[in-house]
């Protein structure tokens, strides 16, 4: 706030851009800016991707349903980005086929087929197969469905490990010289001549300061808190908070396909394979008024999702089978739409400071378009950085993504190089770390070389690697965001790992 003097603490000196927010947009901007020769600092009040960016539907997709709302520019951009991201991180992003059983009381078949044809061609699809019609009375994809669903369609999109996408962008940013500060809250920012003076406070109470030529507000649901509470400014824009919840159950159908279900309220629900033997089901769309930190799934949302499953599947899961559930708050740009599902998923920039050191704030956005959003954010800041290098991220793989050829070929090569390790374990390392798996494994050749076993495919060697290279500190960082080991450990195993972390901190 203007006139507030910073508290003495660690001084990071002068940087070009200070980014507030360690979700996907902040991470993408930090990576892009650092790779263009700018000095970058990023601070995040919690763990990276702890908010919205680890609570998504975990899809890189164009947004088929957005065509109904005439969001053609957004869908086209997202479909183009789908191809770019698939090439840049094939270890954490991979193709998935979606089966859409036709429900004639929702949308006529001709409209669905027309939408899919447009979806096939709007973004210049190159790597993914085209959509097609299905006879669900004969196709194996129809076997788990009620007999009334005899006609359907199939199309392609991509799966993503969302929280790892954030981490890979941050790793690349750090490798390009960015300073990355988890659990470091932006407290106050004031203009001081040609720079911003940003005061930050760690969760241990320590204070750090940095001077920056530009400030980027990528705080997601907290974007207005940063504008008003940190920078002491007013905004002409606003976000609309919408809660989206998911449930996780044991997988209840055969085959690798996912399902897209049309509900009677015209919303669509994804039913996706998850972690080999599980299914991820969501999402809901509910206006949210509370603190983003307090978001949680409600019983009404659970009932809503299970009801959709009962409508379509012969043997749907029961509430007692839910093994995990999570909710996220999506900070959508408020375009005054009446229906939460119709609120735009596009993004808007607001720049405070004509001629003064700028504050760039981001409203809205979706995980699929984060890389393009980062490019456009830097384009908006270019007047303050006349020597800015050209955009570069479209043609560069993310860390570990330089696998050369298909993922299966890479995984098989890795398994041949480590023949005495379990094949499932090597596949796990290949999936999460790509070519970085060799750095993790180092000289390890047999299972005993990986140290203590915490359960499932989780060994001490991986925990140490996450601590040393990916800013993991607390149990949930390791078990829920950097990996999904937490879904496969018993409560006793999780408790034992928590004890291990507390002793080794």
Protein backbone atom coordinates (compact mmCIF):
# COMPACT_ATOMS: atom_id res chain seq x y z
CA UNK A 1 0.00 0.00 0.00
CA UNK A 2 1.23 3.53 -0.74
CA UNK A 3 3.41 4.96 2.00
CA UNK A 4 4.01 1.64 3.81
CA UNK A 5 7.66 0.99 4.54
CA UNK A 6 8.86 -2.58 4.09
CA UNK A 7 9.98 -4.62 7.06
CA UNK A 8 13.66 -5.52 7.05
CA UNK A 9 14.31 -8.99 5.68
CA UNK A 10 15.92 -10.85 2.80
CA UNK A 11 16.34 -8.43 -0.11
CA UNK A 12 16.17 -9.95 -3.58
CA UNK A 13 17.32 -6.73 -5.20
CA UNK A 14 15.88 -5.70 -8.57
CA UNK A 15 14.04 -7.99 -10.99
CA UNK A 16 12.15 -7.28 -14.19
CA UNK A 17 8.93 -9.11 -13.30
CA UNK A 18 7.58 -10.29 -9.95
CA UNK A 19 4.76 -12.81 -10.33
CA UNK A 20 2.22 -13.28 -7.54
CA UNK A 21 0.60 -16.70 -7.77
CA UNK A 22 2.01 -20.20 -8.32
CA UNK A 23 -0.86 -21.75 -10.23
CA UNK A 24 -0.72 -22.61 -13.92
CA UNK A 25 -0.96 -19.02 -15.20
CA UNK A 26 1.73 -17.68 -12.90
CA UNK A 27 4.00 -20.64 -13.61
CA UNK A 28 3.52 -20.27 -17.37
CA UNK A 29 4.29 -16.56 -17.29
CA UNK A 30 7.38 -17.08 -15.13
CA UNK A 31 8.69 -19.72 -17.53
CA UNK A 32 8.05 -17.66 -20.64
CA UNK A 33 9.51 -14.46 -19.17
CA UNK A 34 12.65 -16.14 -17.80
CA UNK A 35 13.29 -17.77 -21.16
CA UNK A 36 13.11 -14.36 -22.85
CA UNK A 37 15.99 -13.02 -20.80
CA UNK A 38 14.04 -11.26 -18.07
CA UNK A 39 14.89 -11.48 -14.38
CA UNK A 40 11.89 -13.13 -12.73
CA UNK A 41 10.74 -13.80 -9.19
CA UNK A 42 7.58 -15.77 -8.39
CA UNK A 43 5.96 -16.02 -4.97
CA UNK A 44 3.08 -18.26 -3.92
CA UNK A 45 1.31 -18.08 -0.55
CA UNK A 46 0.79 -21.86 -0.35
CA UNK A 47 2.25 -24.82 -2.21
CA UNK A 48 2.34 -24.63 -5.98
CA UNK A 49 -0.94 -25.68 -7.63
CA UNK A 50 -2.54 -26.06 -4.22
CA UNK A 51 -5.64 -24.19 -5.34
CA UNK A 52 -7.52 -24.38 -8.63
CA UNK A 53 -4.63 -25.77 -10.68
CA UNK A 54 -4.64 -29.16 -8.92
CA UNK A 55 -8.44 -29.40 -8.72
CA UNK A 56 -9.35 -29.32 -12.39
CA UNK A 57 -10.94 -32.02 -14.50
CA UNK A 58 -7.38 -32.87 -15.63
CA UNK A 59 -8.08 -32.42 -19.32
CA UNK A 60 -6.34 -30.55 -22.12
CA UNK A 61 -9.37 -29.93 -24.31
CA UNK A 62 -10.95 -27.44 -26.61
CA UNK A 63 -14.18 -27.28 -24.64
CA UNK A 64 -16.71 -29.01 -26.86
CA UNK A 65 -19.66 -27.56 -24.94
CA UNK A 66 -18.36 -23.99 -25.35
CA UNK A 67 -19.40 -24.17 -29.00
CA UNK A 68 -23.01 -23.85 -27.80
CA UNK A 69 -22.13 -20.44 -26.40
CA UNK A 70 -20.41 -19.34 -29.65
CA UNK A 71 -16.97 -19.25 -27.99
CA UNK A 72 -15.33 -20.08 -31.33
CA UNK A 73 -12.14 -18.07 -30.75
CA UNK A 74 -11.56 -19.68 -27.37
CA UNK A 75 -12.27 -23.20 -28.66
CA UNK A 76 -9.99 -22.72 -31.66
CA UNK A 77 -7.16 -21.40 -29.51
CA UNK A 78 -7.62 -24.28 -27.05
CA UNK A 79 -7.60 -26.90 -29.82
CA UNK A 80 -4.40 -25.44 -31.28
CA UNK A 81 -2.83 -25.42 -27.81
CA UNK A 82 -3.91 -29.04 -27.29
CA UNK A 83 -1.56 -30.04 -30.10
CA UNK A 84 1.27 -27.84 -28.82
CA UNK A 85 1.06 -29.14 -25.26
CA UNK A 86 0.76 -32.78 -26.31
CA UNK A 87 4.05 -32.43 -28.17
CA UNK A 88 5.75 -30.56 -25.32
CA UNK A 89 4.92 -32.94 -22.45
CA UNK A 90 3.96 -36.40 -23.75
CA UNK A 91 4.83 -37.96 -20.39
CA UNK A 92 2.11 -36.10 -18.47
CA UNK A 93 -0.29 -35.41 -21.38
CA UNK A 94 -1.74 -38.16 -23.55
CA UNK A 95 -4.69 -38.71 -25.91
CA UNK A 96 -8.00 -40.02 -24.60
CA UNK A 97 -11.12 -41.08 -26.49
CA UNK A 98 -14.48 -39.86 -25.17
CA UNK A 99 -17.74 -41.71 -25.77
CA UNK A 100 -20.82 -39.51 -25.85
CA UNK A 101 -24.02 -41.59 -25.55
CA UNK A 102 -26.79 -39.82 -27.40
CA UNK A 103 -29.64 -38.62 -25.23
CA UNK A 104 -32.24 -37.27 -27.68
CA UNK A 105 -34.16 -35.28 -25.05
CA UNK A 106 -31.12 -33.06 -24.51
CA UNK A 107 -29.57 -32.28 -27.90
CA UNK A 108 -30.58 -33.64 -31.34
CA UNK A 109 -28.11 -36.06 -32.93
CA UNK A 110 -27.52 -33.84 -35.96
CA UNK A 111 -26.49 -30.97 -33.68
CA UNK A 112 -24.05 -33.15 -31.74
CA UNK A 113 -22.53 -34.56 -34.93
CA UNK A 114 -22.23 -31.08 -36.47
CA UNK A 115 -20.54 -29.83 -33.31
CA UNK A 116 -18.07 -32.73 -33.39
CA UNK A 117 -17.21 -32.12 -37.04
CA UNK A 118 -16.55 -28.47 -36.24
CA UNK A 119 -14.49 -29.57 -33.23
CA UNK A 120 -12.43 -31.86 -35.49
CA UNK A 121 -11.47 -29.08 -37.88
CA UNK A 122 -11.57 -25.79 -35.97
CA UNK A 123 -8.06 -26.11 -34.54
CA UNK A 124 -6.20 -27.82 -37.37
CA UNK A 125 -6.11 -31.26 -35.72
CA UNK A 126 -2.95 -33.20 -36.64
CA UNK A 127 -2.10 -35.78 -33.98
CA UNK A 128 -5.47 -37.03 -32.74
CA UNK A 129 -7.99 -39.25 -34.56
CA UNK A 130 -11.24 -37.73 -35.81
CA UNK A 131 -14.66 -38.17 -34.25
CA UNK A 132 -17.00 -40.93 -35.39
CA UNK A 133 -20.49 -42.28 -34.83
CA UNK A 134 -21.01 -45.42 -32.72
CA UNK A 135 -23.64 -48.13 -32.65
CA UNK A 136 -23.64 -48.66 -28.89
CA UNK A 137 -25.84 -51.74 -29.18
CA UNK A 138 -22.87 -53.50 -30.81
CA UNK A 139 -19.73 -51.53 -29.94
CA UNK A 140 -17.91 -52.64 -26.77
CA UNK A 141 -18.07 -49.05 -25.50
CA UNK A 142 -21.83 -49.51 -25.11
CA UNK A 143 -21.59 -52.61 -22.91
CA UNK A 144 -21.68 -50.79 -19.52
CA UNK A 145 -24.56 -48.51 -20.57
CA UNK A 146 -28.30 -48.98 -20.27
CA UNK A 147 -29.84 -50.51 -23.40
CA UNK A 148 -31.83 -47.36 -24.19
CA UNK A 149 -28.58 -45.66 -25.27
CA UNK A 150 -28.15 -47.28 -28.66
CA UNK A 151 -26.50 -44.45 -30.53
CA UNK A 152 -23.41 -42.48 -29.62
CA UNK A 153 -20.36 -40.61 -30.78
CA UNK A 154 -16.67 -40.77 -30.03
CA UNK A 155 -14.11 -37.97 -30.19
CA UNK A 156 -10.59 -37.14 -28.96
CA UNK A 157 -9.14 -34.85 -26.32
CA UNK A 158 -6.16 -35.16 -23.95
CA UNK A 159 -5.58 -36.05 -20.33
CA UNK A 160 -3.13 -34.03 -18.21
CA UNK A 161 -1.58 -34.35 -14.78
CA UNK A 162 -2.53 -30.78 -13.91
CA UNK A 163 -0.40 -30.16 -10.84
CA UNK A 164 2.67 -31.64 -12.53
CA UNK A 165 2.13 -29.32 -15.48
CA UNK A 166 2.50 -26.42 -13.04
CA UNK A 167 5.66 -27.89 -11.51
CA UNK A 168 7.30 -28.53 -14.89
CA UNK A 169 6.75 -24.91 -15.89
CA UNK A 170 8.31 -23.77 -12.62
CA UNK A 171 11.29 -26.09 -13.03
CA UNK A 172 11.91 -24.68 -16.49
CA UNK A 173 11.54 -21.13 -15.15
CA UNK A 174 14.11 -21.88 -12.43
CA UNK A 175 16.48 -23.44 -14.94
CA UNK A 176 16.27 -20.16 -16.87
CA UNK A 177 17.22 -18.17 -13.76
CA UNK A 178 13.87 -17.39 -12.13
CA UNK A 179 13.68 -17.29 -8.34
CA UNK A 180 10.80 -19.47 -7.16
CA UNK A 181 9.41 -18.93 -3.66
CA UNK A 182 6.74 -21.29 -2.33
CA UNK A 183 4.81 -20.45 0.85
CA UNK A 184 5.74 -16.81 0.52
CA UNK A 185 2.69 -14.53 0.70
CA UNK A 186 2.59 -11.14 -1.03
CA UNK A 187 1.75 -8.73 1.77
CA UNK A 188 2.18 -5.20 0.44
CA UNK A 189 3.23 -3.60 -2.83
CA UNK A 190 3.79 0.08 -3.53
CA UNK A 191 5.17 2.04 -6.41
CA UNK A 192 8.53 3.64 -5.67
CA UNK A 193 9.74 5.64 -8.65
CA UNK A 194 10.20 3.35 -11.64
CA UNK A 195 9.69 0.11 -9.69
CA UNK A 196 7.32 -1.76 -7.45
CA UNK A 197 8.48 -2.53 -3.94
CA UNK A 198 6.93 -5.87 -2.97
CA UNK A 199 7.00 -7.16 0.58
CA UNK A 200 6.46 -10.89 1.11
CA UNK A 201 6.11 -12.99 4.24
CA UNK A 202 6.95 -16.66 4.60
CA UNK A 203 4.85 -19.13 6.54
CA UNK A 204 7.59 -19.06 9.18
CA UNK A 205 7.08 -15.32 9.67
CA UNK A 206 10.23 -14.20 7.86
CA UNK A 207 9.98 -11.22 5.53
CA UNK A 208 11.50 -10.81 2.08
CA UNK A 209 11.42 -7.85 -0.29
CA UNK A 210 12.04 -7.34 -3.98
CA UNK A 211 12.02 -4.39 -6.36
CA UNK A 212 10.43 -5.11 -9.70
CA UNK A 213 9.93 -3.18 -12.93
CA UNK A 214 6.56 -4.88 -13.38
CA UNK A 215 4.15 -6.81 -11.19
CA UNK A 216 2.01 -9.70 -12.48
CA UNK A 217 -1.08 -10.67 -10.51
CA UNK A 218 -1.81 -14.31 -11.35
CA UNK A 219 -3.55 -15.05 -8.06
CA UNK A 220 -6.59 -16.76 -9.59
CA UNK A 221 -9.50 -16.64 -7.13
CA UNK A 222 -7.54 -14.10 -5.09
CA UNK A 223 -6.88 -11.71 -8.00
CA UNK A 224 -8.99 -8.92 -6.50
CA UNK A 225 -7.45 -9.43 -3.06
CA UNK A 226 -4.06 -8.68 -4.62
CA UNK A 227 -5.30 -5.60 -6.49
CA UNK A 228 -7.05 -4.09 -3.50
CA UNK A 229 -5.40 -5.61 -0.43
CA UNK A 230 -1.79 -5.86 -1.62
CA UNK A 231 -1.43 -3.05 -4.18
CA UNK A 232 -4.12 -0.74 -2.76
CA UNK A 233 -5.74 -0.16 -6.17
CA UNK A 234 -9.23 -0.44 -7.62
CA UNK A 235 -10.32 -2.59 -10.56
CA UNK A 236 -12.91 -2.17 -13.28
CA UNK A 237 -13.00 -5.96 -13.76
CA UNK A 238 -14.21 -8.75 -11.52
CA UNK A 239 -14.13 -12.51 -11.25
CA UNK A 240 -17.03 -14.83 -10.71
CA UNK A 241 -16.22 -17.75 -8.44
CA UNK A 242 -17.73 -21.07 -9.54
CA UNK A 243 -17.26 -24.26 -7.54
CA UNK A 244 -16.50 -27.45 -9.41
CA UNK A 245 -16.40 -30.77 -7.55
CA UNK A 246 -15.22 -34.26 -8.48
CA UNK A 247 -15.49 -37.70 -6.94
CA UNK A 248 -13.10 -40.63 -7.35
CA UNK A 249 -14.41 -44.22 -7.35
CA UNK A 250 -13.06 -47.61 -8.45
CA UNK A 251 -13.22 -47.92 -12.24
CA UNK A 252 -16.46 -49.69 -13.15
CA UNK A 253 -16.15 -50.39 -16.89
CA UNK A 254 -13.75 -52.17 -19.21
CA UNK A 255 -11.61 -50.38 -21.76
CA UNK A 256 -9.50 -47.21 -21.90
CA UNK A 257 -12.30 -44.92 -23.07
CA UNK A 258 -13.81 -42.06 -21.09
CA UNK A 259 -17.47 -41.02 -21.20
CA UNK A 260 -19.13 -37.63 -21.63
CA UNK A 261 -22.69 -37.68 -20.27
CA UNK A 262 -25.42 -35.16 -21.02
CA UNK A 263 -27.59 -34.49 -18.00
CA UNK A 264 -31.23 -33.43 -18.00
CA UNK A 265 -30.20 -29.85 -17.06
CA UNK A 266 -28.08 -29.76 -20.26
CA UNK A 267 -24.83 -29.83 -18.32
CA UNK A 268 -22.23 -32.47 -19.22
CA UNK A 269 -20.33 -34.74 -16.84
CA UNK A 270 -16.99 -36.40 -17.58
CA UNK A 271 -16.33 -39.98 -16.45
CA UNK A 272 -12.63 -40.57 -16.97
CA UNK A 273 -10.18 -43.42 -16.26
CA UNK A 274 -7.88 -42.32 -13.46
CA UNK A 275 -4.72 -43.81 -11.98
CA UNK A 276 -5.21 -47.15 -13.81
CA UNK A 277 -7.90 -48.65 -11.57
CA UNK A 278 -9.93 -45.59 -10.58
CA UNK A 279 -12.43 -43.24 -12.22
CA UNK A 280 -12.64 -39.45 -11.93
CA UNK A 281 -16.16 -38.06 -12.22
CA UNK A 282 -17.17 -34.39 -12.50
CA UNK A 283 -17.66 -31.59 -12.53
CA UNK A 284 -20.40 -29.55 -10.96
CA UNK A 285 -20.95 -25.83 -11.65
CA UNK A 286 -22.19 -23.93 -8.60
CA UNK A 287 -21.87 -20.20 -7.82
CA UNK A 288 -19.56 -19.78 -4.84
CA UNK A 289 -19.55 -16.91 -2.36
CA UNK A 290 -17.19 -18.04 0.42
CA UNK A 291 -13.44 -17.94 0.87
CA UNK A 292 -11.67 -19.90 -1.86
CA UNK A 293 -9.56 -21.62 0.82
CA UNK A 294 -12.68 -23.15 2.38
CA UNK A 295 -14.17 -24.80 -0.71
CA UNK A 296 -15.41 -28.38 -0.21
CA UNK A 297 -17.75 -30.78 -1.98
CA UNK A 298 -21.32 -30.78 -0.72
CA UNK A 299 -23.61 -33.76 -0.29
CA UNK A 300 -25.90 -32.29 -2.94
CA UNK A 301 -23.03 -32.34 -5.44
CA UNK A 302 -22.18 -35.95 -4.64
CA UNK A 303 -25.84 -36.92 -5.13
CA UNK A 304 -25.96 -34.97 -8.40
CA UNK A 305 -22.95 -36.80 -9.87
CA UNK A 306 -24.14 -40.23 -8.72
CA UNK A 307 -27.60 -39.57 -10.17
CA UNK A 308 -26.10 -38.85 -13.60
CA UNK A 309 -24.17 -42.12 -13.41
CA UNK A 310 -27.31 -44.07 -12.50
CA UNK A 311 -29.09 -42.63 -15.50
CA UNK A 312 -26.50 -43.99 -17.95
CA UNK A 313 -24.70 -46.99 -16.43
CA UNK A 314 -26.06 -50.44 -15.60
CA UNK A 315 -23.87 -50.91 -12.53
CA UNK A 316 -22.97 -47.43 -11.32
CA UNK A 317 -20.90 -46.90 -8.17
CA UNK A 318 -22.56 -46.22 -4.84
CA UNK A 319 -21.79 -43.42 -2.41
CA UNK A 320 -20.06 -45.94 -0.13
CA UNK A 321 -17.50 -46.63 -2.89
CA UNK A 322 -16.19 -43.06 -3.12
CA UNK A 323 -12.50 -43.17 -2.22
CA UNK A 324 -11.74 -39.47 -2.64
CA UNK A 325 -13.44 -36.19 -3.49
CA UNK A 326 -12.20 -32.68 -4.14
CA UNK A 327 -13.50 -29.23 -5.01
CA UNK A 328 -11.92 -26.26 -6.70
CA UNK A 329 -12.92 -22.65 -7.22
CA UNK A 330 -12.69 -21.49 -10.81
CA UNK A 331 -12.06 -17.73 -11.06
CA UNK A 332 -14.03 -17.01 -14.22
CA UNK A 333 -14.08 -13.58 -15.80
CA UNK A 334 -17.46 -12.10 -14.87
CA UNK A 335 -19.33 -11.45 -18.12
CA UNK A 336 -22.71 -11.16 -16.32
CA UNK A 337 -24.06 -14.45 -17.71
CA UNK A 338 -27.06 -15.76 -15.75
CA UNK A 339 -26.09 -19.44 -15.95
CA UNK A 340 -22.78 -20.44 -14.28
CA UNK A 341 -22.20 -22.97 -17.06
CA UNK A 342 -22.49 -20.19 -19.63
CA UNK A 343 -19.91 -17.89 -18.03
CA UNK A 344 -17.03 -17.45 -20.44
CA UNK A 345 -13.87 -19.52 -19.93
CA UNK A 346 -11.91 -16.87 -21.81
CA UNK A 347 -9.44 -14.58 -20.08
CA UNK A 348 -9.02 -10.83 -19.76
CA UNK A 349 -6.01 -8.71 -18.81
CA UNK A 350 -6.14 -5.47 -16.87
CA UNK A 351 -3.09 -3.18 -16.74
CA UNK A 352 -2.77 -0.58 -14.00
CA UNK A 353 -0.21 2.11 -14.71
CA UNK A 354 0.10 4.06 -17.93
CA UNK A 355 3.73 5.18 -17.98
CA UNK A 356 4.23 4.03 -14.37
CA UNK A 357 5.56 0.60 -13.41
CA UNK A 358 2.66 -1.65 -14.44
CA UNK A 359 0.52 -4.11 -12.54
CA UNK A 360 -0.88 -6.74 -14.93
CA UNK A 361 -3.83 -8.70 -13.49
CA UNK A 362 -5.33 -11.82 -15.06
CA UNK A 363 -9.05 -12.56 -14.90
CA UNK A 364 -10.25 -16.01 -15.95
CA UNK A 365 -8.52 -18.54 -18.17
CA UNK A 366 -8.33 -22.32 -18.35
CA UNK A 367 -5.48 -24.77 -18.03
CA UNK A 368 -5.46 -25.65 -21.74
CA UNK A 369 -4.71 -22.08 -22.82
CA UNK A 370 -2.18 -21.16 -20.12
CA UNK A 371 0.83 -21.11 -22.47
CA UNK A 372 -0.87 -18.81 -24.97
CA UNK A 373 -2.11 -16.65 -22.09
CA UNK A 374 1.51 -16.28 -20.93
CA UNK A 375 2.60 -15.15 -24.40
CA UNK A 376 -0.16 -12.56 -24.52
CA UNK A 377 0.62 -11.36 -21.00
CA UNK A 378 4.21 -10.65 -22.03
CA UNK A 379 2.97 -8.94 -25.18
CA UNK A 380 0.96 -6.59 -22.96
CA UNK A 381 4.10 -5.87 -20.91
CA UNK A 382 6.37 -5.44 -23.96
CA UNK A 383 6.19 -1.59 -23.94
CA UNK A 384 8.07 -1.64 -20.63
CA UNK A 385 10.66 -4.16 -21.94
CA UNK A 386 11.78 -3.01 -25.41
CA UNK A 387 14.58 -5.61 -25.53
CA UNK A 388 12.23 -8.53 -24.85
CA UNK A 389 13.29 -11.66 -26.75
CA UNK A 390 10.81 -13.43 -29.09
CA UNK A 391 8.24 -15.95 -27.91
CA UNK A 392 9.80 -19.40 -27.59
CA UNK A 393 7.69 -21.88 -25.61
CA UNK A 394 5.63 -23.30 -28.51
CA UNK A 395 8.57 -25.24 -29.90
CA UNK A 396 10.30 -26.30 -26.67
CA UNK A 397 9.46 -29.38 -24.61
CA UNK A 398 8.80 -29.04 -20.93
CA UNK A 399 11.33 -30.70 -18.58
CA UNK A 400 11.32 -34.45 -19.16
CA UNK A 401 9.27 -34.13 -22.36
CA UNK A 402 12.17 -34.73 -24.76
CA UNK A 403 11.45 -38.47 -24.93
CA UNK A 404 12.04 -38.87 -28.68
CA UNK A 405 9.21 -40.83 -30.31
CA UNK A 406 6.19 -42.32 -28.55
CA UNK A 407 5.77 -42.55 -24.82
CA UNK A 408 5.41 -46.34 -24.96
CA UNK A 409 8.74 -46.65 -26.78
CA UNK A 410 10.41 -44.42 -24.20
CA UNK A 411 8.91 -46.37 -21.29
CA UNK A 412 10.10 -49.65 -22.84
CA UNK A 413 13.63 -48.27 -23.27
CA UNK A 414 13.69 -47.16 -19.66
CA UNK A 415 12.50 -50.59 -18.53
CA UNK A 416 15.27 -52.27 -20.55
CA UNK A 417 17.85 -50.03 -18.88
CA UNK A 418 16.56 -50.95 -15.41
CA UNK A 419 15.64 -54.63 -15.86
CA UNK A 420 15.75 -55.49 -12.16
CA UNK A 421 13.19 -52.88 -11.12
CA UNK A 422 9.45 -53.70 -11.27
CA UNK A 423 7.99 -52.75 -14.64
CA UNK A 424 5.09 -50.90 -13.03
CA UNK A 425 7.51 -48.80 -10.99
CA UNK A 426 9.60 -47.87 -14.03
CA UNK A 427 6.42 -46.94 -15.88
CA UNK A 428 5.41 -44.71 -12.98
CA UNK A 429 8.76 -42.89 -13.13
CA UNK A 430 8.50 -42.57 -16.91
CA UNK A 431 5.00 -41.07 -16.62
CA UNK A 432 5.75 -38.50 -13.96
CA UNK A 433 9.30 -37.52 -14.85
CA UNK A 434 9.93 -38.40 -18.50
CA UNK A 435 13.64 -38.22 -19.25
CA UNK A 436 14.21 -36.81 -15.75
CA UNK A 437 13.51 -40.33 -14.46
CA UNK A 438 17.17 -41.16 -15.05
CA UNK A 439 18.17 -38.32 -12.74
CA UNK A 440 15.81 -39.65 -10.09
CA UNK A 441 17.06 -43.23 -10.37
CA UNK A 442 20.74 -42.31 -10.62
CA UNK A 443 22.85 -45.38 -9.82
CA UNK A 444 19.88 -47.38 -8.49
CA UNK A 445 19.58 -50.79 -10.09
CA UNK A 446 17.61 -52.93 -7.63
CA UNK A 447 14.66 -52.14 -5.41
CA UNK A 448 16.82 -51.94 -2.28
CA UNK A 449 18.69 -49.01 -3.85
CA UNK A 450 15.52 -46.89 -3.66
CA UNK A 451 15.46 -46.80 0.14
CA UNK A 452 12.49 -47.08 2.45
CA UNK A 453 9.21 -48.31 0.98
CA UNK A 454 6.19 -46.20 1.97
CA UNK A 455 3.59 -48.30 0.14
CA UNK A 456 2.39 -48.79 -3.43
CA UNK A 457 5.05 -47.50 -5.83
CA UNK A 458 6.38 -44.90 -3.38
CA UNK A 459 9.99 -45.18 -2.25
CA UNK A 460 12.35 -42.93 -0.35
CA UNK A 461 14.45 -42.18 -3.43
CA UNK A 462 11.49 -40.48 -5.10
CA UNK A 463 10.60 -38.54 -1.95
CA UNK A 464 14.15 -37.19 -1.70
CA UNK A 465 14.11 -36.24 -5.38
CA UNK A 466 10.86 -34.34 -4.94
CA UNK A 467 12.23 -32.56 -1.89
CA UNK A 468 15.46 -31.59 -3.61
CA UNK A 469 14.21 -30.66 -7.09
CA UNK A 470 10.48 -29.85 -6.88
CA UNK A 471 10.03 -27.78 -3.70
CA UNK A 472 8.05 -30.52 -1.92
CA UNK A 473 7.98 -29.93 1.84
CA UNK A 474 4.75 -31.10 3.45
CA UNK A 475 3.10 -34.54 3.14
CA UNK A 476 0.36 -33.34 0.77
CA UNK A 477 2.99 -31.82 -1.54
CA UNK A 478 4.45 -35.30 -2.04
CA UNK A 479 1.31 -37.44 -1.90
CA UNK A 480 -1.40 -35.35 -3.54
CA UNK A 481 0.19 -32.83 -5.92
CA UNK A 482 3.67 -33.91 -7.09
CA UNK A 483 2.31 -37.45 -7.25
CA UNK A 484 -0.98 -39.24 -6.61
CA UNK A 485 0.57 -41.81 -4.25
CA UNK A 486 -1.88 -40.70 -1.59
CA UNK A 487 -4.69 -42.46 -3.45
CA UNK A 488 -2.84 -45.78 -3.18
CA UNK A 489 -1.59 -45.72 0.41
CA UNK A 490 -3.52 -47.04 3.40
CA UNK A 491 -4.26 -44.57 6.22
CA UNK A 492 -1.51 -46.23 8.27
CA UNK A 493 0.99 -45.90 5.42
CA UNK A 494 0.11 -42.25 4.92
CA UNK A 495 0.53 -41.61 8.65
CA UNK A 496 3.93 -43.31 8.56
CA UNK A 497 5.06 -41.12 5.68
CA UNK A 498 3.87 -38.01 7.50
CA UNK A 499 6.02 -39.07 10.44
CA UNK A 500 9.00 -39.60 8.14
CA UNK A 501 8.64 -36.09 6.66
CA UNK A 502 8.28 -34.43 10.05
CA UNK A 503 11.45 -36.16 11.26
CA UNK A 504 13.47 -35.31 8.16
CA UNK A 505 12.36 -31.66 7.90
